[in-house]
Amino acid sequence: MIAKVLGRHPVGLILSAPYAVYLAVIFAYPLGFAVWMSFHDYFFAAPGAIVDHPFIGLDNYRAVLGDPGVHQAFRNIVVFLVINVPLTTGLALLLAVTLNRVVHARTFLRVAFYVPYVTASVAVVGVWMFLFNSGGLVNSALGPLAPDPSWLINEHLAMPVIAVFVTWKQLGFFILLYLAALQNVPTELYESASVDGANAWHRFWSVTVPAVRPATALVVILALITGANLFTEPYLLTGGGGPNGASASPVLVMYQRGIQQGEPDFAAALGVLLVLGVLIVAYLNRRLIERD
């Protein structure tokens, strides 16, 4: 009887139940509550107070779509993604191919690339602030070629610097994804290409790139999700999205409007739109990769 209720594999369902509960509590419920909040006039009230949150339809979404700060945040994230996604994908693949051919110190090199990914962002951000502030090592090395204003207080350079930082920090994880994909590429394909007269560059484009296309789709989707959730880096590197909002991200705007300014309904509507945008972009990217 229990087997009929739970299905053909009751043990598997039982073992997966804790994770299903975790997903429901940590992800499904907050997302559902955010959707509900976005359609209501919601505000923070004193503990124990009985308050009414009237339904206001699409008013919060109209406010989000008409807010100049939100427009700028999305423009900033487009700049971030244009730099970060191609840079992450290209460097991760090239470094993975190189590491896959290394014979000596292979483990050391892989760990070295992975260390920034597992290092606390706050600690690494401190190093980058030391490097890129007005009197930092980068400006000292560049001398008269250093930008003025400096990198992190320059409206045109703050977001590109953040994009490069995130690329560097996340690169080790994506290299491991590509390394796993490269292990499944048959060596016979490279041998056949060599027999046909293909050089190393042709083998890379004709064999390696098509063979790791599923991994590339995953890397691009994860990079898009990382960009959509960008918060820690602009918050710490530029003091909360400065200068003049040039490095603000949608998630940072959600925090500022929802927590600092006490407009959780506005922040919820922005979050719902952001989730929908990421899902649409990820779906289109997946379909494009599968079609190719």
C-alpha atoms as a PDB file:
ATOM      1  CA  MET A   1       0.000   0.000   0.000  1.00  0.00           C
ATOM      2  CA  ILE A   2       2.787   2.445   0.905  1.00  0.00           C
ATOM      3  CA  ALA A   3       4.645   1.533  -2.264  1.00  0.00           C
ATOM      4  CA  LYS A   4       1.554   2.402  -4.335  1.00  0.00           C
ATOM      5  CA  VAL A   5       1.256   5.784  -2.627  1.00  0.00           C
ATOM      6  CA  LEU A   6       4.922   6.683  -2.979  1.00  0.00           C
ATOM      7  CA  GLY A   7       5.415   5.135  -6.412  1.00  0.00           C
ATOM      8  CA  ARG A   8       7.761   2.467  -7.695  1.00  0.00           C
ATOM      9  CA  HIS A   9      10.776   3.806  -5.811  1.00  0.00           C
ATOM     10  CA  PRO A  10       9.558   4.828  -2.334  1.00  0.00           C
ATOM     11  CA  VAL A  11      13.063   4.813  -0.831  1.00  0.00           C
ATOM     12  CA  GLY A  12      14.266   7.348  -3.373  1.00  0.00           C
ATOM     13  CA  LEU A  13      11.284   9.588  -2.708  1.00  0.00           C
ATOM     14  CA  ILE A  14      11.833   9.370   1.026  1.00  0.00           C
ATOM     15  CA  LEU A  15      15.519  10.206   0.693  1.00  0.00           C
ATOM     16  CA  SER A  16      14.785  13.161  -1.595  1.00  0.00           C
ATOM     17  CA  ALA A  17      12.007  14.503   0.626  1.00  0.00           C
ATOM     18  CA  PRO A  18      14.323  16.595   2.879  1.00  0.00           C
ATOM     19  CA  TYR A  19      15.739  18.394  -0.151  1.00  0.00           C
ATOM     20  CA  ALA A  20      12.252  18.912  -1.560  1.00  0.00           C
ATOM     21  CA  VAL A  21      11.209  20.467   1.755  1.00  0.00           C
ATOM     22  CA  TYR A  22      14.338  22.628   1.679  1.00  0.00           C
ATOM     23  CA  LEU A  23      13.482  23.880  -1.821  1.00  0.00           C
ATOM     24  CA  ALA A  24       9.907  24.582  -0.800  1.00  0.00           C
ATOM     25  CA  VAL A  25      10.891  26.527   2.315  1.00  0.00           C
ATOM     26  CA  ILE A  26      13.935  28.383   0.971  1.00  0.00           C
ATOM     27  CA  PHE A  27      12.879  29.035  -2.639  1.00  0.00           C
ATOM     28  CA  ALA A  28       9.246  28.239  -3.466  1.00  0.00           C
ATOM     29  CA  TYR A  29       7.600  29.936  -0.482  1.00  0.00           C
ATOM     30  CA  PRO A  30       9.662  33.175  -0.645  1.00  0.00           C
ATOM     31  CA  LEU A  31       9.055  33.423  -4.408  1.00  0.00           C
ATOM     32  CA  GLY A  32       5.336  32.862  -3.979  1.00  0.00           C
ATOM     33  CA  PHE A  33       5.193  35.399  -1.160  1.00  0.00           C
ATOM     34  CA  ALA A  34       7.106  37.916  -3.293  1.00  0.00           C
ATOM     35  CA  VAL A  35       4.577  37.481  -6.116  1.00  0.00           C
ATOM     36  CA  TRP A  36       1.716  38.033  -3.657  1.00  0.00           C
ATOM     37  CA  MET A  37       3.461  41.040  -2.134  1.00  0.00           C
ATOM     38  CA  SER A  38       4.013  42.626  -5.546  1.00  0.00           C
ATOM     39  CA  PHE A  39       0.234  42.888  -6.074  1.00  0.00           C
ATOM     40  CA  HIS A  40      -0.482  44.416  -2.662  1.00  0.00           C
ATOM     41  CA  ASP A  41       0.295  47.600  -0.759  1.00  0.00           C
ATOM     42  CA  TYR A  42       2.745  45.954   1.601  1.00  0.00           C
ATOM     43  CA  PHE A  43       4.819  47.679   4.255  1.00  0.00           C
ATOM     44  CA  PHE A  44       6.699  46.728   7.397  1.00  0.00           C
ATOM     45  CA  ALA A  45       4.604  46.972  10.554  1.00  0.00           C
ATOM     46  CA  ALA A  46       5.387  46.695  14.229  1.00  0.00           C
ATOM     47  CA  PRO A  47       5.528  43.114  15.588  1.00  0.00           C
ATOM     48  CA  GLY A  48       2.066  41.919  16.545  1.00  0.00           C
ATOM     49  CA  ALA A  49       0.279  44.779  14.799  1.00  0.00           C
ATOM     50  CA  ILE A  50      -2.764  43.910  12.724  1.00  0.00           C
ATOM     51  CA  VAL A  51      -2.533  45.684   9.390  1.00  0.00           C
ATOM     52  CA  ASP A  52      -4.318  45.456   6.098  1.00  0.00           C
ATOM     53  CA  HIS A  53      -2.425  45.055   2.836  1.00  0.00           C
ATOM     54  CA  PRO A  54      -4.951  45.977   0.125  1.00  0.00           C
ATOM     55  CA  PHE A  55      -4.749  44.585  -3.380  1.00  0.00           C
ATOM     56  CA  ILE A  56      -3.483  47.265  -5.788  1.00  0.00           C
ATOM     57  CA  GLY A  57      -3.107  45.262  -8.979  1.00  0.00           C
ATOM     58  CA  LEU A  58      -0.232  46.304 -11.225  1.00  0.00           C
ATOM     59  CA  ASP A  59       0.577  49.590  -9.472  1.00  0.00           C
ATOM     60  CA  ASN A  60       3.887  48.299  -8.115  1.00  0.00           C
ATOM     61  CA  TYR A  61       4.905  47.062 -11.550  1.00  0.00           C
ATOM     62  CA  ARG A  62       4.044  50.426 -13.100  1.00  0.00           C
ATOM     63  CA  ALA A  63       6.156  52.125 -10.452  1.00  0.00           C
ATOM     64  CA  VAL A  64       9.079  49.800 -11.175  1.00  0.00           C
ATOM     65  CA  LEU A  65       8.870  50.211 -14.950  1.00  0.00           C
ATOM     66  CA  GLY A  66       8.680  54.000 -14.617  1.00  0.00           C
ATOM     67  CA  ASP A  67      11.531  54.389 -12.125  1.00  0.00           C
ATOM     68  CA  PRO A  68      14.732  55.956 -13.588  1.00  0.00           C
ATOM     69  CA  GLY A  69      16.914  54.200 -11.008  1.00  0.00           C
ATOM     70  CA  VAL A  70      15.601  50.819 -12.140  1.00  0.00           C
ATOM     71  CA  HIS A  71      16.245  51.726 -15.774  1.00  0.00           C
ATOM     72  CA  GLN A  72      19.827  52.611 -14.959  1.00  0.00           C
ATOM     73  CA  ALA A  73      20.313  49.418 -12.936  1.00  0.00           C
ATOM     74  CA  PHE A  74      19.217  47.287 -15.877  1.00  0.00           C
ATOM     75  CA  ARG A  75      21.466  49.233 -18.242  1.00  0.00           C
ATOM     76  CA  ASN A  76      24.324  48.612 -15.817  1.00  0.00           C
ATOM     77  CA  ILE A  77      23.632  44.893 -15.727  1.00  0.00           C
ATOM     78  CA  VAL A  78      23.578  44.758 -19.535  1.00  0.00           C
ATOM     79  CA  VAL A  79      27.056  46.323 -19.544  1.00  0.00           C
ATOM     80  CA  PHE A  80      28.132  43.771 -16.954  1.00  0.00           C
ATOM     81  CA  LEU A  81      26.798  40.818 -18.943  1.00  0.00           C
ATOM     82  CA  VAL A  82      28.246  42.017 -22.251  1.00  0.00           C
ATOM     83  CA  ILE A  83      31.684  41.975 -20.629  1.00  0.00           C
ATOM     84  CA  ASN A  84      31.366  39.115 -18.162  1.00  0.00           C
ATOM     85  CA  VAL A  85      29.614  36.369 -20.142  1.00  0.00           C
ATOM     86  CA  PRO A  86      31.895  36.282 -23.233  1.00  0.00           C
ATOM     87  CA  LEU A  87      34.992  36.792 -21.091  1.00  0.00           C
ATOM     88  CA  THR A  88      33.989  34.028 -18.687  1.00  0.00           C
ATOM     89  CA  THR A  89      33.059  31.574 -21.431  1.00  0.00           C
ATOM     90  CA  GLY A  90      36.139  32.213 -23.576  1.00  0.00           C
ATOM     91  CA  LEU A  91      38.721  32.244 -20.783  1.00  0.00           C
ATOM     92  CA  ALA A  92      37.220  29.238 -19.003  1.00  0.00           C
ATOM     93  CA  LEU A  93      37.283  27.143 -22.177  1.00  0.00           C
ATOM     94  CA  LEU A  94      40.791  28.174 -23.206  1.00  0.00           C
ATOM     95  CA  LEU A  95      42.221  27.617 -19.728  1.00  0.00           C
ATOM     96  CA  ALA A  96      40.398  24.297 -19.392  1.00  0.00           C
ATOM     97  CA  VAL A  97      41.832  23.084 -22.706  1.00  0.00           C
ATOM     98  CA  THR A  98      45.293  24.180 -21.575  1.00  0.00           C
ATOM     99  CA  LEU A  99      44.995  22.547 -18.149  1.00  0.00           C
ATOM    100  CA  ASN A 100      43.669  19.377 -19.741  1.00  0.00           C
ATOM    101  CA  ARG A 101      46.972  19.042 -21.633  1.00  0.00           C
ATOM    102  CA  VAL A 102      49.229  19.844 -18.674  1.00  0.00           C
ATOM    103  CA  VAL A 103      51.126  16.855 -17.356  1.00  0.00           C
ATOM    104  CA  HIS A 104      53.118  18.288 -14.453  1.00  0.00           C
ATOM    105  CA  ALA A 105      51.568  20.230 -11.532  1.00  0.00           C
ATOM    106  CA  ARG A 106      48.066  19.647 -12.926  1.00  0.00           C
ATOM    107  CA  THR A 107      46.422  19.399  -9.501  1.00  0.00           C
ATOM    108  CA  PHE A 108      48.238  22.460  -8.199  1.00  0.00           C
ATOM    109  CA  LEU A 109      47.152  24.587 -11.173  1.00  0.00           C
ATOM    110  CA  ARG A 110      43.535  23.464 -10.915  1.00  0.00           C
ATOM    111  CA  VAL A 111      43.428  24.271  -7.224  1.00  0.00           C
ATOM    112  CA  ALA A 112      45.104  27.641  -7.852  1.00  0.00           C
ATOM    113  CA  PHE A 113      42.388  28.646 -10.323  1.00  0.00           C
ATOM    114  CA  TYR A 114      39.642  27.392  -7.988  1.00  0.00           C
ATOM    115  CA  VAL A 115      40.831  29.146  -4.818  1.00  0.00           C
ATOM    116  CA  PRO A 116      39.336  32.595  -5.648  1.00  0.00           C
ATOM    117  CA  TYR A 117      35.921  30.985  -6.173  1.00  0.00           C
ATOM    118  CA  VAL A 118      35.815  29.545  -2.642  1.00  0.00           C
ATOM    119  CA  THR A 119      37.425  32.564  -0.987  1.00  0.00           C
ATOM    120  CA  ALA A 120      35.095  34.902   0.885  1.00  0.00           C
ATOM    121  CA  SER A 121      34.027  37.808  -1.336  1.00  0.00           C
ATOM    122  CA  VAL A 122      34.651  40.352   1.406  1.00  0.00           C
ATOM    123  CA  ALA A 123      38.306  39.345   1.705  1.00  0.00           C
ATOM    124  CA  VAL A 124      38.910  39.367  -2.040  1.00  0.00           C
ATOM    125  CA  VAL A 125      37.070  42.667  -2.493  1.00  0.00           C
ATOM    126  CA  GLY A 126      39.461  44.242  -0.004  1.00  0.00           C
ATOM    127  CA  VAL A 127      42.400  43.232  -2.184  1.00  0.00           C
ATOM    128  CA  TRP A 128      40.797  44.663  -5.331  1.00  0.00           C
ATOM    129  CA  MET A 129      39.972  47.915  -3.587  1.00  0.00           C
ATOM    130  CA  PHE A 130      43.631  48.161  -2.602  1.00  0.00           C
ATOM    131  CA  LEU A 131      44.659  47.526  -6.208  1.00  0.00           C
ATOM    132  CA  PHE A 132      42.210  49.875  -7.935  1.00  0.00           C
ATOM    133  CA  ASN A 133      41.814  52.819  -5.564  1.00  0.00           C
ATOM    134  CA  SER A 134      43.301  56.194  -6.420  1.00  0.00           C
ATOM    135  CA  GLY A 135      46.667  55.402  -4.859  1.00  0.00           C
ATOM    136  CA  GLY A 136      46.619  51.670  -5.587  1.00  0.00           C
ATOM    137  CA  LEU A 137      49.157  49.476  -7.294  1.00  0.00           C
ATOM    138  CA  VAL A 138      47.414  49.595 -10.673  1.00  0.00           C
ATOM    139  CA  ASN A 139      47.437  53.387 -10.833  1.00  0.00           C
ATOM    140  CA  SER A 140      51.016  53.463  -9.603  1.00  0.00           C
ATOM    141  CA  ALA A 141      52.042  51.101 -12.382  1.00  0.00           C
ATOM    142  CA  LEU A 142      50.143  53.055 -15.046  1.00  0.00           C
ATOM    143  CA  GLY A 143      51.420  56.422 -13.882  1.00  0.00           C
ATOM    144  CA  PRO A 144      50.118  59.215 -16.160  1.00  0.00           C
ATOM    145  CA  LEU A 145      47.998  56.675 -18.068  1.00  0.00           C
ATOM    146  CA  ALA A 146      45.838  56.006 -14.997  1.00  0.00           C
ATOM    147  CA  PRO A 147      42.216  57.135 -15.405  1.00  0.00           C
ATOM    148  CA  ASP A 148      40.983  60.231 -13.617  1.00  0.00           C
ATOM    149  CA  PRO A 149      38.678  59.806 -11.714  1.00  0.00           C
ATOM    150  CA  SER A 150      40.025  56.441 -10.640  1.00  0.00           C
ATOM    151  CA  TRP A 151      38.531  53.083 -11.583  1.00  0.00           C
ATOM    152  CA  LEU A 152      35.918  52.508  -8.890  1.00  0.00           C
ATOM    153  CA  ILE A 153      34.752  56.129  -8.725  1.00  0.00           C
ATOM    154  CA  ASN A 154      34.591  56.553 -12.480  1.00  0.00           C
ATOM    155  CA  GLU A 155      31.080  56.370 -13.934  1.00  0.00           C
ATOM    156  CA  HIS A 156      32.342  54.719 -17.127  1.00  0.00           C
ATOM    157  CA  LEU A 157      34.796  52.247 -15.573  1.00  0.00           C
ATOM    158  CA  ALA A 158      33.173  51.118 -12.312  1.00  0.00           C
ATOM    159  CA  MET A 159      30.905  48.471 -13.834  1.00  0.00           C
ATOM    160  CA  PRO A 160      33.564  47.100 -16.260  1.00  0.00           C
ATOM    161  CA  VAL A 161      35.969  46.702 -13.322  1.00  0.00           C
ATOM    162  CA  ILE A 162      33.265  44.837 -11.388  1.00  0.00           C
ATOM    163  CA  ALA A 163      32.638  42.612 -14.433  1.00  0.00           C
ATOM    164  CA  VAL A 164      36.333  41.749 -14.662  1.00  0.00           C
ATOM    165  CA  PHE A 165      36.469  41.078 -10.917  1.00  0.00           C
ATOM    166  CA  VAL A 166      33.497  38.696 -11.019  1.00  0.00           C
ATOM    167  CA  THR A 167      34.992  36.954 -14.067  1.00  0.00           C
ATOM    168  CA  TRP A 168      38.255  36.397 -12.209  1.00  0.00           C
ATOM    169  CA  LYS A 169      36.539  35.197  -9.050  1.00  0.00           C
ATOM    170  CA  GLN A 170      34.120  32.767 -10.732  1.00  0.00           C
ATOM    171  CA  LEU A 171      36.516  31.478 -13.375  1.00  0.00           C
ATOM    172  CA  GLY A 172      37.761  28.457 -11.430  1.00  0.00           C
ATOM    173  CA  PHE A 173      34.279  26.954 -11.127  1.00  0.00           C
ATOM    174  CA  PHE A 174      33.593  27.260 -14.859  1.00  0.00           C
ATOM    175  CA  ILE A 175      37.010  25.808 -15.693  1.00  0.00           C
ATOM    176  CA  LEU A 176      36.076  22.687 -13.726  1.00  0.00           C
ATOM    177  CA  LEU A 177      32.818  22.404 -15.696  1.00  0.00           C
ATOM    178  CA  TYR A 178      34.712  22.528 -18.973  1.00  0.00           C
ATOM    179  CA  LEU A 179      37.352  20.088 -17.694  1.00  0.00           C
ATOM    180  CA  ALA A 180      34.607  17.595 -16.893  1.00  0.00           C
ATOM    181  CA  ALA A 181      33.171  18.043 -20.400  1.00  0.00           C
ATOM    182  CA  LEU A 182      36.586  17.617 -22.032  1.00  0.00           C
ATOM    183  CA  GLN A 183      37.042  14.233 -20.340  1.00  0.00           C
ATOM    184  CA  ASN A 184      34.121  12.927 -22.411  1.00  0.00           C
ATOM    185  CA  VAL A 185      35.480  14.028 -25.806  1.00  0.00           C
ATOM    186  CA  PRO A 186      36.703  10.901 -27.651  1.00  0.00           C
ATOM    187  CA  THR A 187      40.363  11.086 -28.606  1.00  0.00           C
ATOM    188  CA  GLU A 188      39.449   9.407 -31.919  1.00  0.00           C
ATOM    189  CA  LEU A 189      37.877  12.685 -33.059  1.00  0.00           C
ATOM    190  CA  TYR A 190      41.170  14.526 -32.639  1.00  0.00           C
ATOM    191  CA  GLU A 191      43.061  11.706 -34.355  1.00  0.00           C
ATOM    192  CA  SER A 192      40.668  11.755 -37.312  1.00  0.00           C
ATOM    193  CA  ALA A 193      40.981  15.520 -37.619  1.00  0.00           C
ATOM    194  CA  SER A 194      44.779  15.270 -37.534  1.00  0.00           C
ATOM    195  CA  VAL A 195      44.711  12.619 -40.280  1.00  0.00           C
ATOM    196  CA  ASP A 196      42.585  14.984 -42.370  1.00  0.00           C
ATOM    197  CA  GLY A 197      45.287  17.632 -42.020  1.00  0.00           C
ATOM    198  CA  ALA A 198      43.663  19.847 -39.353  1.00  0.00           C
ATOM    199  CA  ASN A 199      46.075  21.894 -37.261  1.00  0.00           C
ATOM    200  CA  ALA A 200      45.628  22.667 -33.548  1.00  0.00           C
ATOM    201  CA  TRP A 201      43.429  25.707 -34.207  1.00  0.00           C
ATOM    202  CA  HIS A 202      41.146  23.802 -36.597  1.00  0.00           C
ATOM    203  CA  ARG A 203      40.876  20.894 -34.165  1.00  0.00           C
ATOM    204  CA  PHE A 204      39.856  23.316 -31.432  1.00  0.00           C
ATOM    205  CA  TRP A 205      37.078  24.901 -33.508  1.00  0.00           C
ATOM    206  CA  SER A 206      35.942  21.730 -35.292  1.00  0.00           C
ATOM    207  CA  VAL A 207      36.170  19.205 -32.468  1.00  0.00           C
ATOM    208  CA  THR A 208      36.500  20.807 -29.024  1.00  0.00           C
ATOM    209  CA  VAL A 209      33.973  23.632 -29.324  1.00  0.00           C
ATOM    210  CA  PRO A 210      31.120  21.470 -30.708  1.00  0.00           C
ATOM    211  CA  ALA A 211      31.875  18.658 -28.253  1.00  0.00           C
ATOM    212  CA  VAL A 212      31.572  20.898 -25.182  1.00  0.00           C
ATOM    213  CA  ARG A 213      28.500  22.804 -26.422  1.00  0.00           C
ATOM    214  CA  PRO A 214      26.254  21.443 -23.590  1.00  0.00           C
ATOM    215  CA  ALA A 215      28.823  22.665 -21.057  1.00  0.00           C
ATOM    216  CA  THR A 216      28.921  26.026 -22.827  1.00  0.00           C
ATOM    217  CA  ALA A 217      25.144  26.323 -22.513  1.00  0.00           C
ATOM    218  CA  LEU A 218      25.422  25.606 -18.780  1.00  0.00           C
ATOM    219  CA  VAL A 219      28.267  28.111 -18.341  1.00  0.00           C
ATOM    220  CA  VAL A 220      26.349  30.848 -20.145  1.00  0.00           C
ATOM    221  CA  ILE A 221      23.178  30.229 -18.152  1.00  0.00           C
ATOM    222  CA  LEU A 222      25.057  30.219 -14.836  1.00  0.00           C
ATOM    223  CA  ALA A 223      26.928  33.389 -15.823  1.00  0.00           C
ATOM    224  CA  LEU A 224      23.597  35.066 -16.664  1.00  0.00           C
ATOM    225  CA  ILE A 225      22.165  34.029 -13.303  1.00  0.00           C
ATOM    226  CA  THR A 226      25.293  35.316 -11.546  1.00  0.00           C
ATOM    227  CA  GLY A 227      24.923  38.669 -13.298  1.00  0.00           C
ATOM    228  CA  ALA A 228      21.235  38.886 -12.484  1.00  0.00           C
ATOM    229  CA  ASN A 229      22.010  38.267  -8.798  1.00  0.00           C
ATOM    230  CA  LEU A 230      24.905  40.739  -8.668  1.00  0.00           C
ATOM    231  CA  PHE A 231      24.896  42.411  -5.258  1.00  0.00           C
ATOM    232  CA  THR A 232      27.972  41.876  -3.092  1.00  0.00           C
ATOM    233  CA  GLU A 233      30.517  43.286  -5.528  1.00  0.00           C
ATOM    234  CA  PRO A 234      28.902  46.690  -6.282  1.00  0.00           C
ATOM    235  CA  TYR A 235      27.781  47.006  -2.675  1.00  0.00           C
ATOM    236  CA  LEU A 236      31.326  46.576  -1.349  1.00  0.00           C
ATOM    237  CA  LEU A 237      33.504  47.856  -4.185  1.00  0.00           C
ATOM    238  CA  THR A 238      31.656  51.093  -4.947  1.00  0.00           C
ATOM    239  CA  GLY A 239      29.915  51.815  -1.664  1.00  0.00           C
ATOM    240  CA  GLY A 240      26.425  50.854  -2.753  1.00  0.00           C
ATOM    241  CA  GLY A 241      26.214  51.317  -6.504  1.00  0.00           C
ATOM    242  CA  GLY A 242      28.179  54.538  -6.983  1.00  0.00           C
ATOM    243  CA  PRO A 243      29.198  56.772  -8.456  1.00  0.00           C
ATOM    244  CA  ASN A 244      25.722  58.211  -9.088  1.00  0.00           C
ATOM    245  CA  GLY A 245      24.221  54.754  -9.530  1.00  0.00           C
ATOM    246  CA  ALA A 246      26.657  53.815 -12.325  1.00  0.00           C
ATOM    247  CA  SER A 247      27.356  50.408 -10.755  1.00  0.00           C
ATOM    248  CA  ALA A 248      23.972  49.712  -9.159  1.00  0.00           C
ATOM    249  CA  SER A 249      22.408  46.361 -10.020  1.00  0.00           C
ATOM    250  CA  PRO A 250      18.704  45.430  -9.888  1.00  0.00           C
ATOM    251  CA  VAL A 251      19.283  43.290  -6.788  1.00  0.00           C
ATOM    252  CA  LEU A 252      21.099  46.172  -5.100  1.00  0.00           C
ATOM    253  CA  VAL A 253      18.173  48.477  -5.963  1.00  0.00           C
ATOM    254  CA  MET A 254      15.833  45.868  -4.461  1.00  0.00           C
ATOM    255  CA  TYR A 255      17.816  45.970  -1.227  1.00  0.00           C
ATOM    256  CA  GLN A 256      17.950  49.753  -1.137  1.00  0.00           C
ATOM    257  CA  ARG A 257      14.248  50.251  -1.864  1.00  0.00           C
ATOM    258  CA  GLY A 258      12.945  47.262   0.056  1.00  0.00           C
ATOM    259  CA  ILE A 259      15.111  47.327   3.198  1.00  0.00           C
ATOM    260  CA  GLN A 260      16.675  50.759   3.473  1.00  0.00           C
ATOM    261  CA  GLN A 261      13.703  52.778   2.217  1.00  0.00           C
ATOM    262  CA  GLY A 262      10.938  50.478   3.488  1.00  0.00           C
ATOM    263  CA  GLU A 263       9.218  49.687   0.166  1.00  0.00           C
ATOM    264  CA  PRO A 264       9.109  45.862   0.102  1.00  0.00           C
ATOM    265  CA  ASP A 265       6.193  45.786  -2.356  1.00  0.00           C
ATOM    266  CA  PHE A 266       8.224  47.777  -4.894  1.00  0.00           C
ATOM    267  CA  ALA A 267      11.226  45.510  -4.325  1.00  0.00           C
ATOM    268  CA  ALA A 268       9.057  42.402  -4.717  1.00  0.00           C
ATOM    269  CA  ALA A 269       7.711  43.596  -8.074  1.00  0.00           C
ATOM    270  CA  LEU A 270      11.247  44.318  -9.256  1.00  0.00           C
ATOM    271  CA  GLY A 271      12.339  40.858  -8.109  1.00  0.00           C
ATOM    272  CA  VAL A 272       9.504  39.142  -9.981  1.00  0.00           C
ATOM    273  CA  LEU A 273      10.383  41.000 -13.191  1.00  0.00           C
ATOM    274  CA  LEU A 274      14.037  40.061 -12.731  1.00  0.00           C
ATOM    275  CA  VAL A 275      13.184  36.381 -12.286  1.00  0.00           C
ATOM    276  CA  LEU A 276      11.004  36.422 -15.396  1.00  0.00           C
ATOM    277  CA  GLY A 277      13.733  38.147 -17.388  1.00  0.00           C
ATOM    278  CA  VAL A 278      16.372  35.596 -16.354  1.00  0.00           C
ATOM    279  CA  LEU A 279      14.057  32.682 -17.177  1.00  0.00           C
ATOM    280  CA  ILE A 280      13.294  34.080 -20.631  1.00  0.00           C
ATOM    281  CA  VAL A 281      16.948  34.761 -21.453  1.00  0.00           C
ATOM    282  CA  ALA A 282      18.015  31.333 -20.148  1.00  0.00           C
ATOM    283  CA  TYR A 283      15.278  29.632 -22.180  1.00  0.00           C
ATOM    284  CA  LEU A 284      16.210  31.449 -25.383  1.00  0.00           C
ATOM    285  CA  ASN A 285      19.897  30.694 -24.836  1.00  0.00           C
ATOM    286  CA  ARG A 286      19.134  27.017 -24.253  1.00  0.00           C
ATOM    287  CA  ARG A 287      16.998  26.770 -27.384  1.00  0.00           C
ATOM    288  CA  LEU A 288      19.676  28.523 -29.443  1.00  0.00           C
ATOM    289  CA  ILE A 289      22.408  26.184 -28.207  1.00  0.00           C
ATOM    290  CA  GLU A 290      20.256  23.089 -28.803  1.00  0.00           C
ATOM    291  CA  ARG A 291      19.289  24.249 -32.304  1.00  0.00           C
ATOM    292  CA  ASP A 292      22.909  24.829 -33.251  1.00  0.00           C
END
